[in-house]
Amino acid sequence: MVYTAALVIGRGAPRLSGQGSVAEMIRSYLFHLRSADKASSARRGSVDSSDEREKQPAISAKADYGLDDEQRLLQKEMAQQLERCLSEAKGSALRCQVLLLPCQMSARVAGDVVRSSAEEPCGLRGASITVFLGTEDGPKPLGTILPDPSVTPTFELSVVFKADDQGWSPFKHMFVTSEVLKLRPEYRLVKRKLYSSASPIIHDFY
């Protein structure tokens, strides 16, 4: 089971750009997060901060902003698949017993995945979605989601989560299976069209 922290952490506007390989994009993302940490450590505070908890109503209202009824259904199903993927990764790639997500994070990510798929020929059914955890040594794959296995994928989406290193430093020491792993609210979504020479598109969410 994937546990969701009883709080909401804010989300900013996405940044859109095109770069080289997915691995290079993820490394750039991690560098950006480390730089942002230095600038905002005094403001961010603990993940249990009451300041963050007060933001819950506004963020919850925006979880499915811009989605119609059909897309909301797709968002709900995608959120469940993301949580299932992360849950299955606990005992293998992550080797932790408890996985904590910021409140509404699976719904936020699912909504962004649905929006990124809306203009594709087969919509979300044509996606191949790979979930990663970004590390200093490069992206660590956690699993792949095929919304409709009967459809040949026409584009790839890479969802890159980032661990919250406060209180636990994953990948720097040997894993201990009793550890609790928290994910940060920031994540990266990389879209790459298959059968096309177009450059991948990056969306960073905060």
C-alpha atoms as a PDB file:
ATOM      1  CA  MET A   1       0.000   0.000   0.000  1.00  0.00           C
ATOM      2  CA  VAL A   2       1.188   3.521  -0.762  1.00  0.00           C
ATOM      3  CA  TYR A   3       0.617   5.891   2.135  1.00  0.00           C
ATOM      4  CA  THR A   4      -0.278   9.515   1.526  1.00  0.00           C
ATOM      5  CA  ALA A   5       0.917  12.129   4.004  1.00  0.00           C
ATOM      6  CA  ALA A   6      -1.887  14.071   5.654  1.00  0.00           C
ATOM      7  CA  LEU A   7      -0.835  17.383   4.170  1.00  0.00           C
ATOM      8  CA  VAL A   8      -0.658  19.199   0.879  1.00  0.00           C
ATOM      9  CA  ILE A   9       2.494  20.740  -0.530  1.00  0.00           C
ATOM     10  CA  GLY A  10       2.141  23.589  -3.008  1.00  0.00           C
ATOM     11  CA  ARG A  11       2.512  23.369  -6.759  1.00  0.00           C
ATOM     12  CA  GLY A  12       3.775  26.033  -9.104  1.00  0.00           C
ATOM     13  CA  ALA A  13       3.361  26.552 -12.809  1.00  0.00           C
ATOM     14  CA  PRO A  14       5.096  24.131 -15.184  1.00  0.00           C
ATOM     15  CA  ARG A  15       8.234  24.995 -17.095  1.00  0.00           C
ATOM     16  CA  LEU A  16       8.340  23.772 -20.691  1.00  0.00           C
ATOM     17  CA  SER A  17      11.495  23.140 -22.692  1.00  0.00           C
ATOM     18  CA  GLY A  18      13.157  20.692 -25.068  1.00  0.00           C
ATOM     19  CA  GLN A  19      16.563  19.061 -24.505  1.00  0.00           C
ATOM     20  CA  GLY A  20      18.590  15.939 -25.279  1.00  0.00           C
ATOM     21  CA  SER A  21      18.288  12.470 -23.838  1.00  0.00           C
ATOM     22  CA  VAL A  22      15.880  11.592 -21.049  1.00  0.00           C
ATOM     23  CA  ALA A  23      18.772  10.717 -18.729  1.00  0.00           C
ATOM     24  CA  GLU A  24      20.396  14.117 -19.278  1.00  0.00           C
ATOM     25  CA  MET A  25      17.066  15.819 -18.635  1.00  0.00           C
ATOM     26  CA  ILE A  26      16.639  13.981 -15.359  1.00  0.00           C
ATOM     27  CA  ARG A  27      20.164  14.851 -14.213  1.00  0.00           C
ATOM     28  CA  SER A  28      19.485  18.498 -15.059  1.00  0.00           C
ATOM     29  CA  TYR A  29      16.264  18.282 -13.067  1.00  0.00           C
ATOM     30  CA  LEU A  30      18.063  16.960  -9.974  1.00  0.00           C
ATOM     31  CA  PHE A  31      20.677  19.718 -10.214  1.00  0.00           C
ATOM     32  CA  HIS A  32      17.876  22.298 -10.428  1.00  0.00           C
ATOM     33  CA  LEU A  33      16.181  20.872  -7.334  1.00  0.00           C
ATOM     34  CA  ARG A  34      19.399  20.904  -5.317  1.00  0.00           C
ATOM     35  CA  SER A  35      19.956  24.547  -6.283  1.00  0.00           C
ATOM     36  CA  ALA A  36      16.385  25.441  -5.360  1.00  0.00           C
ATOM     37  CA  ASP A  37      16.782  23.764  -1.970  1.00  0.00           C
ATOM     38  CA  LYS A  38      19.631  26.109  -1.038  1.00  0.00           C
ATOM     39  CA  ALA A  39      17.540  29.136  -1.927  1.00  0.00           C
ATOM     40  CA  SER A  40      14.328  28.059  -0.177  1.00  0.00           C
ATOM     41  CA  SER A  41      15.369  25.888   2.773  1.00  0.00           C
ATOM     42  CA  ALA A  42      14.265  28.517   5.286  1.00  0.00           C
ATOM     43  CA  ARG A  43      10.811  28.749   3.701  1.00  0.00           C
ATOM     44  CA  ARG A  44      10.200  25.054   3.006  1.00  0.00           C
ATOM     45  CA  GLY A  45      10.439  23.738   6.567  1.00  0.00           C
ATOM     46  CA  SER A  46       9.383  20.289   7.682  1.00  0.00           C
ATOM     47  CA  VAL A  47       7.031  18.077   5.683  1.00  0.00           C
ATOM     48  CA  ASP A  48       4.753  18.228   8.745  1.00  0.00           C
ATOM     49  CA  SER A  49       4.617  22.027   8.620  1.00  0.00           C
ATOM     50  CA  SER A  50       1.248  23.520   9.582  1.00  0.00           C
ATOM     51  CA  ASP A  51       1.841  26.216   6.934  1.00  0.00           C
ATOM     52  CA  GLU A  52       1.693  23.551   4.225  1.00  0.00           C
ATOM     53  CA  ARG A  53      -1.398  21.958   5.756  1.00  0.00           C
ATOM     54  CA  GLU A  54      -3.282  25.258   5.468  1.00  0.00           C
ATOM     55  CA  LYS A  55      -2.884  25.145   1.675  1.00  0.00           C
ATOM     56  CA  GLN A  56      -4.941  21.966   1.283  1.00  0.00           C
ATOM     57  CA  PRO A  57      -8.309  23.435   0.102  1.00  0.00           C
ATOM     58  CA  ALA A  58      -6.764  25.463  -2.744  1.00  0.00           C
ATOM     59  CA  ILE A  59      -4.588  22.623  -4.035  1.00  0.00           C
ATOM     60  CA  SER A  60      -7.365  20.017  -3.791  1.00  0.00           C
ATOM     61  CA  ALA A  61      -9.629  22.228  -5.893  1.00  0.00           C
ATOM     62  CA  LYS A  62      -6.973  22.384  -8.630  1.00  0.00           C
ATOM     63  CA  ALA A  63      -6.245  18.635  -8.752  1.00  0.00           C
ATOM     64  CA  ASP A  64      -8.488  18.093 -11.801  1.00  0.00           C
ATOM     65  CA  TYR A  65      -8.506  21.665 -13.180  1.00  0.00           C
ATOM     66  CA  GLY A  66      -9.177  21.766 -16.921  1.00  0.00           C
ATOM     67  CA  LEU A  67     -10.412  18.157 -17.222  1.00  0.00           C
ATOM     68  CA  ASP A  68     -13.815  17.120 -18.561  1.00  0.00           C
ATOM     69  CA  ASP A  69     -15.811  14.190 -17.152  1.00  0.00           C
ATOM     70  CA  GLU A  70     -14.135  11.579 -19.357  1.00  0.00           C
ATOM     71  CA  GLN A  71     -10.696  12.922 -18.523  1.00  0.00           C
ATOM     72  CA  ARG A  72     -11.508  12.903 -14.802  1.00  0.00           C
ATOM     73  CA  LEU A  73     -12.329   9.203 -15.071  1.00  0.00           C
ATOM     74  CA  LEU A  74      -9.037   8.603 -16.884  1.00  0.00           C
ATOM     75  CA  GLN A  75      -7.261  10.638 -14.197  1.00  0.00           C
ATOM     76  CA  LYS A  76      -8.748   8.497 -11.435  1.00  0.00           C
ATOM     77  CA  GLU A  77      -7.727   5.274 -13.167  1.00  0.00           C
ATOM     78  CA  MET A  78      -4.230   6.612 -13.890  1.00  0.00           C
ATOM     79  CA  ALA A  79      -3.779   7.686 -10.259  1.00  0.00           C
ATOM     80  CA  GLN A  80      -4.623   4.138  -9.167  1.00  0.00           C
ATOM     81  CA  GLN A  81      -2.128   2.684 -11.659  1.00  0.00           C
ATOM     82  CA  LEU A  82       0.596   5.070 -10.475  1.00  0.00           C
ATOM     83  CA  GLU A  83       0.007   4.114  -6.853  1.00  0.00           C
ATOM     84  CA  ARG A  84       0.023   0.422  -7.786  1.00  0.00           C
ATOM     85  CA  CYS A  85       3.314   0.882  -9.642  1.00  0.00           C
ATOM     86  CA  LEU A  86       4.902   2.656  -6.664  1.00  0.00           C
ATOM     87  CA  SER A  87       3.533   0.083  -4.244  1.00  0.00           C
ATOM     88  CA  GLU A  88       5.020  -2.779  -6.250  1.00  0.00           C
ATOM     89  CA  ALA A  89       8.363  -0.966  -6.362  1.00  0.00           C
ATOM     90  CA  LYS A  90       8.572  -0.785  -2.569  1.00  0.00           C
ATOM     91  CA  GLY A  91       9.798  -4.346  -2.175  1.00  0.00           C
ATOM     92  CA  SER A  92      12.080  -4.312  -5.220  1.00  0.00           C
ATOM     93  CA  ALA A  93      13.623  -1.082  -6.538  1.00  0.00           C
ATOM     94  CA  LEU A  94      12.894   1.042  -3.459  1.00  0.00           C
ATOM     95  CA  ARG A  95      13.287  -1.633  -0.783  1.00  0.00           C
ATOM     96  CA  CYS A  96      11.252   0.268   1.789  1.00  0.00           C
ATOM     97  CA  GLN A  97       8.242  -0.759   3.842  1.00  0.00           C
ATOM     98  CA  VAL A  98       6.377   2.556   3.844  1.00  0.00           C
ATOM     99  CA  LEU A  99       6.174   5.056   0.982  1.00  0.00           C
ATOM    100  CA  LEU A 100       4.833   8.536   1.750  1.00  0.00           C
ATOM    101  CA  LEU A 101       3.461  10.845  -0.950  1.00  0.00           C
ATOM    102  CA  PRO A 102       2.441  14.485  -0.555  1.00  0.00           C
ATOM    103  CA  CYS A 103      -1.332  14.791  -0.373  1.00  0.00           C
ATOM    104  CA  GLN A 104      -3.049  14.736  -3.794  1.00  0.00           C
ATOM    105  CA  MET A 105       0.236  13.962  -5.570  1.00  0.00           C
ATOM    106  CA  SER A 106      -0.951  10.854  -7.418  1.00  0.00           C
ATOM    107  CA  ALA A 107      -4.022  12.782  -8.631  1.00  0.00           C
ATOM    108  CA  ARG A 108      -1.867  15.744  -9.703  1.00  0.00           C
ATOM    109  CA  VAL A 109       0.537  13.569 -11.668  1.00  0.00           C
ATOM    110  CA  ALA A 110      -2.322  11.593 -13.216  1.00  0.00           C
ATOM    111  CA  GLY A 111      -4.035  14.813 -14.325  1.00  0.00           C
ATOM    112  CA  ASP A 112      -0.843  16.049 -15.969  1.00  0.00           C
ATOM    113  CA  VAL A 113      -0.388  12.703 -17.720  1.00  0.00           C
ATOM    114  CA  VAL A 114      -3.954  12.867 -19.058  1.00  0.00           C
ATOM    115  CA  ARG A 115      -3.481  16.449 -20.282  1.00  0.00           C
ATOM    116  CA  SER A 116      -0.193  15.544 -21.981  1.00  0.00           C
ATOM    117  CA  SER A 117      -1.961  12.715 -23.831  1.00  0.00           C
ATOM    118  CA  ALA A 118      -5.048  14.621 -24.953  1.00  0.00           C
ATOM    119  CA  GLU A 119      -3.727  15.677 -28.377  1.00  0.00           C
ATOM    120  CA  GLU A 120      -2.223  12.302 -29.299  1.00  0.00           C
ATOM    121  CA  PRO A 121      -3.938  10.170 -31.994  1.00  0.00           C
ATOM    122  CA  CYS A 122      -4.943   7.446 -29.532  1.00  0.00           C
ATOM    123  CA  GLY A 123      -4.969   9.661 -26.468  1.00  0.00           C
ATOM    124  CA  LEU A 124      -3.841   8.060 -23.223  1.00  0.00           C
ATOM    125  CA  ARG A 125      -4.322   4.598 -24.780  1.00  0.00           C
ATOM    126  CA  GLY A 126      -1.287   5.239 -26.974  1.00  0.00           C
ATOM    127  CA  ALA A 127       1.052   6.026 -24.090  1.00  0.00           C
ATOM    128  CA  SER A 128       3.906   4.057 -22.602  1.00  0.00           C
ATOM    129  CA  ILE A 129       4.558   5.511 -19.146  1.00  0.00           C
ATOM    130  CA  THR A 130       7.778   4.761 -17.269  1.00  0.00           C
ATOM    131  CA  VAL A 131       8.095   5.799 -13.625  1.00  0.00           C
ATOM    132  CA  PHE A 132      11.529   6.773 -12.291  1.00  0.00           C
ATOM    133  CA  LEU A 133      13.100   7.889  -9.058  1.00  0.00           C
ATOM    134  CA  GLY A 134      15.775  10.474  -9.773  1.00  0.00           C
ATOM    135  CA  THR A 135      19.105   9.820  -8.043  1.00  0.00           C
ATOM    136  CA  GLU A 136      22.561  11.362  -8.170  1.00  0.00           C
ATOM    137  CA  ASP A 137      23.708   8.321 -10.150  1.00  0.00           C
ATOM    138  CA  GLY A 138      20.958   8.709 -12.727  1.00  0.00           C
ATOM    139  CA  PRO A 139      17.281   7.755 -13.049  1.00  0.00           C
ATOM    140  CA  LYS A 140      16.243   4.529 -11.343  1.00  0.00           C
ATOM    141  CA  PRO A 141      13.289   2.817 -13.122  1.00  0.00           C
ATOM    142  CA  LEU A 142      10.432   1.798 -10.828  1.00  0.00           C
ATOM    143  CA  GLY A 143       8.018   0.350 -13.372  1.00  0.00           C
ATOM    144  CA  THR A 144       6.150   0.848 -16.646  1.00  0.00           C
ATOM    145  CA  ILE A 145       2.453   1.492 -17.165  1.00  0.00           C
ATOM    146  CA  LEU A 146       0.621   0.672 -20.410  1.00  0.00           C
ATOM    147  CA  PRO A 147      -2.901   2.153 -20.125  1.00  0.00           C
ATOM    148  CA  ASP A 148      -4.076  -0.080 -22.994  1.00  0.00           C
ATOM    149  CA  PRO A 149      -1.730  -3.022 -23.736  1.00  0.00           C
ATOM    150  CA  SER A 150      -3.689  -3.778 -26.927  1.00  0.00           C
ATOM    151  CA  VAL A 151      -2.575  -0.465 -28.496  1.00  0.00           C
ATOM    152  CA  THR A 152       0.921   0.019 -29.932  1.00  0.00           C
ATOM    153  CA  PRO A 153       2.376   3.046 -28.089  1.00  0.00           C
ATOM    154  CA  THR A 154       2.825   6.194 -30.173  1.00  0.00           C
ATOM    155  CA  PHE A 155       4.557   8.238 -27.462  1.00  0.00           C
ATOM    156  CA  GLU A 156       6.476   7.774 -24.221  1.00  0.00           C
ATOM    157  CA  LEU A 157       6.033   9.608 -20.941  1.00  0.00           C
ATOM    158  CA  SER A 158       8.688   9.526 -18.227  1.00  0.00           C
ATOM    159  CA  VAL A 159       7.476  10.471 -14.745  1.00  0.00           C
ATOM    160  CA  VAL A 160      10.460  11.329 -12.548  1.00  0.00           C
ATOM    161  CA  PHE A 161       9.904  11.515  -8.799  1.00  0.00           C
ATOM    162  CA  LYS A 162      12.436  12.853  -6.304  1.00  0.00           C
ATOM    163  CA  ALA A 163      13.016  11.438  -2.815  1.00  0.00           C
ATOM    164  CA  ASP A 164      12.859  13.744   0.181  1.00  0.00           C
ATOM    165  CA  ASP A 165      16.320  13.265   1.681  1.00  0.00           C
ATOM    166  CA  GLN A 166      15.484  14.953   4.983  1.00  0.00           C
ATOM    167  CA  GLY A 167      15.973  12.341   7.664  1.00  0.00           C
ATOM    168  CA  TRP A 168      16.819   9.534   5.216  1.00  0.00           C
ATOM    169  CA  SER A 169      19.449   9.410   2.505  1.00  0.00           C
ATOM    170  CA  PRO A 170      18.513   6.782  -0.090  1.00  0.00           C
ATOM    171  CA  PHE A 171      21.098   5.417  -2.546  1.00  0.00           C
ATOM    172  CA  LYS A 172      24.034   6.782  -0.521  1.00  0.00           C
ATOM    173  CA  HIS A 173      24.095   3.813   1.859  1.00  0.00           C
ATOM    174  CA  MET A 174      22.912   0.233   1.725  1.00  0.00           C
ATOM    175  CA  PHE A 175      19.139  -0.053   1.839  1.00  0.00           C
ATOM    176  CA  VAL A 176      17.363  -1.124   5.003  1.00  0.00           C
ATOM    177  CA  THR A 177      13.955  -2.646   4.338  1.00  0.00           C
ATOM    178  CA  SER A 178      12.371  -1.062   7.432  1.00  0.00           C
ATOM    179  CA  GLU A 179      13.005   2.484   6.202  1.00  0.00           C
ATOM    180  CA  VAL A 180      10.273   4.983   5.369  1.00  0.00           C
ATOM    181  CA  LEU A 181      10.712   6.780   2.047  1.00  0.00           C
ATOM    182  CA  LYS A 182       9.091  10.136   1.345  1.00  0.00           C
ATOM    183  CA  LEU A 183       8.646  11.650  -2.098  1.00  0.00           C
ATOM    184  CA  ARG A 184       8.953  15.352  -2.722  1.00  0.00           C
ATOM    185  CA  PRO A 185       6.133  17.352  -4.347  1.00  0.00           C
ATOM    186  CA  GLU A 186       8.400  18.310  -7.274  1.00  0.00           C
ATOM    187  CA  TYR A 187       8.448  15.978 -10.245  1.00  0.00           C
ATOM    188  CA  ARG A 188       9.322  15.989 -13.918  1.00  0.00           C
ATOM    189  CA  LEU A 189       7.264  14.809 -16.887  1.00  0.00           C
ATOM    190  CA  VAL A 190       9.168  14.093 -20.118  1.00  0.00           C
ATOM    191  CA  LYS A 191       7.216  13.419 -23.307  1.00  0.00           C
ATOM    192  CA  ARG A 192       8.824  11.842 -26.357  1.00  0.00           C
ATOM    193  CA  LYS A 193       6.943  11.067 -29.533  1.00  0.00           C
ATOM    194  CA  LEU A 194       7.799   7.718 -31.064  1.00  0.00           C
ATOM    195  CA  TYR A 195       8.384   7.413 -34.810  1.00  0.00           C
ATOM    196  CA  SER A 196       9.275  11.111 -34.855  1.00  0.00           C
ATOM    197  CA  SER A 197      12.481  13.140 -34.875  1.00  0.00           C
ATOM    198  CA  ALA A 198      10.946  15.826 -32.663  1.00  0.00           C
ATOM    199  CA  SER A 199      12.859  16.644 -29.485  1.00  0.00           C
ATOM    200  CA  PRO A 200      11.428  15.459 -26.154  1.00  0.00           C
ATOM    201  CA  ILE A 201       9.371  17.982 -24.198  1.00  0.00           C
ATOM    202  CA  ILE A 202       9.968  18.582 -20.491  1.00  0.00           C
ATOM    203  CA  HIS A 203       7.435  19.786 -17.940  1.00  0.00           C
ATOM    204  CA  ASP A 204       8.712  20.550 -14.419  1.00  0.00           C
ATOM    205  CA  PHE A 205       6.083  20.780 -11.673  1.00  0.00           C
ATOM    206  CA  TYR A 206       6.619  22.272  -8.216  1.00  0.00           C
END
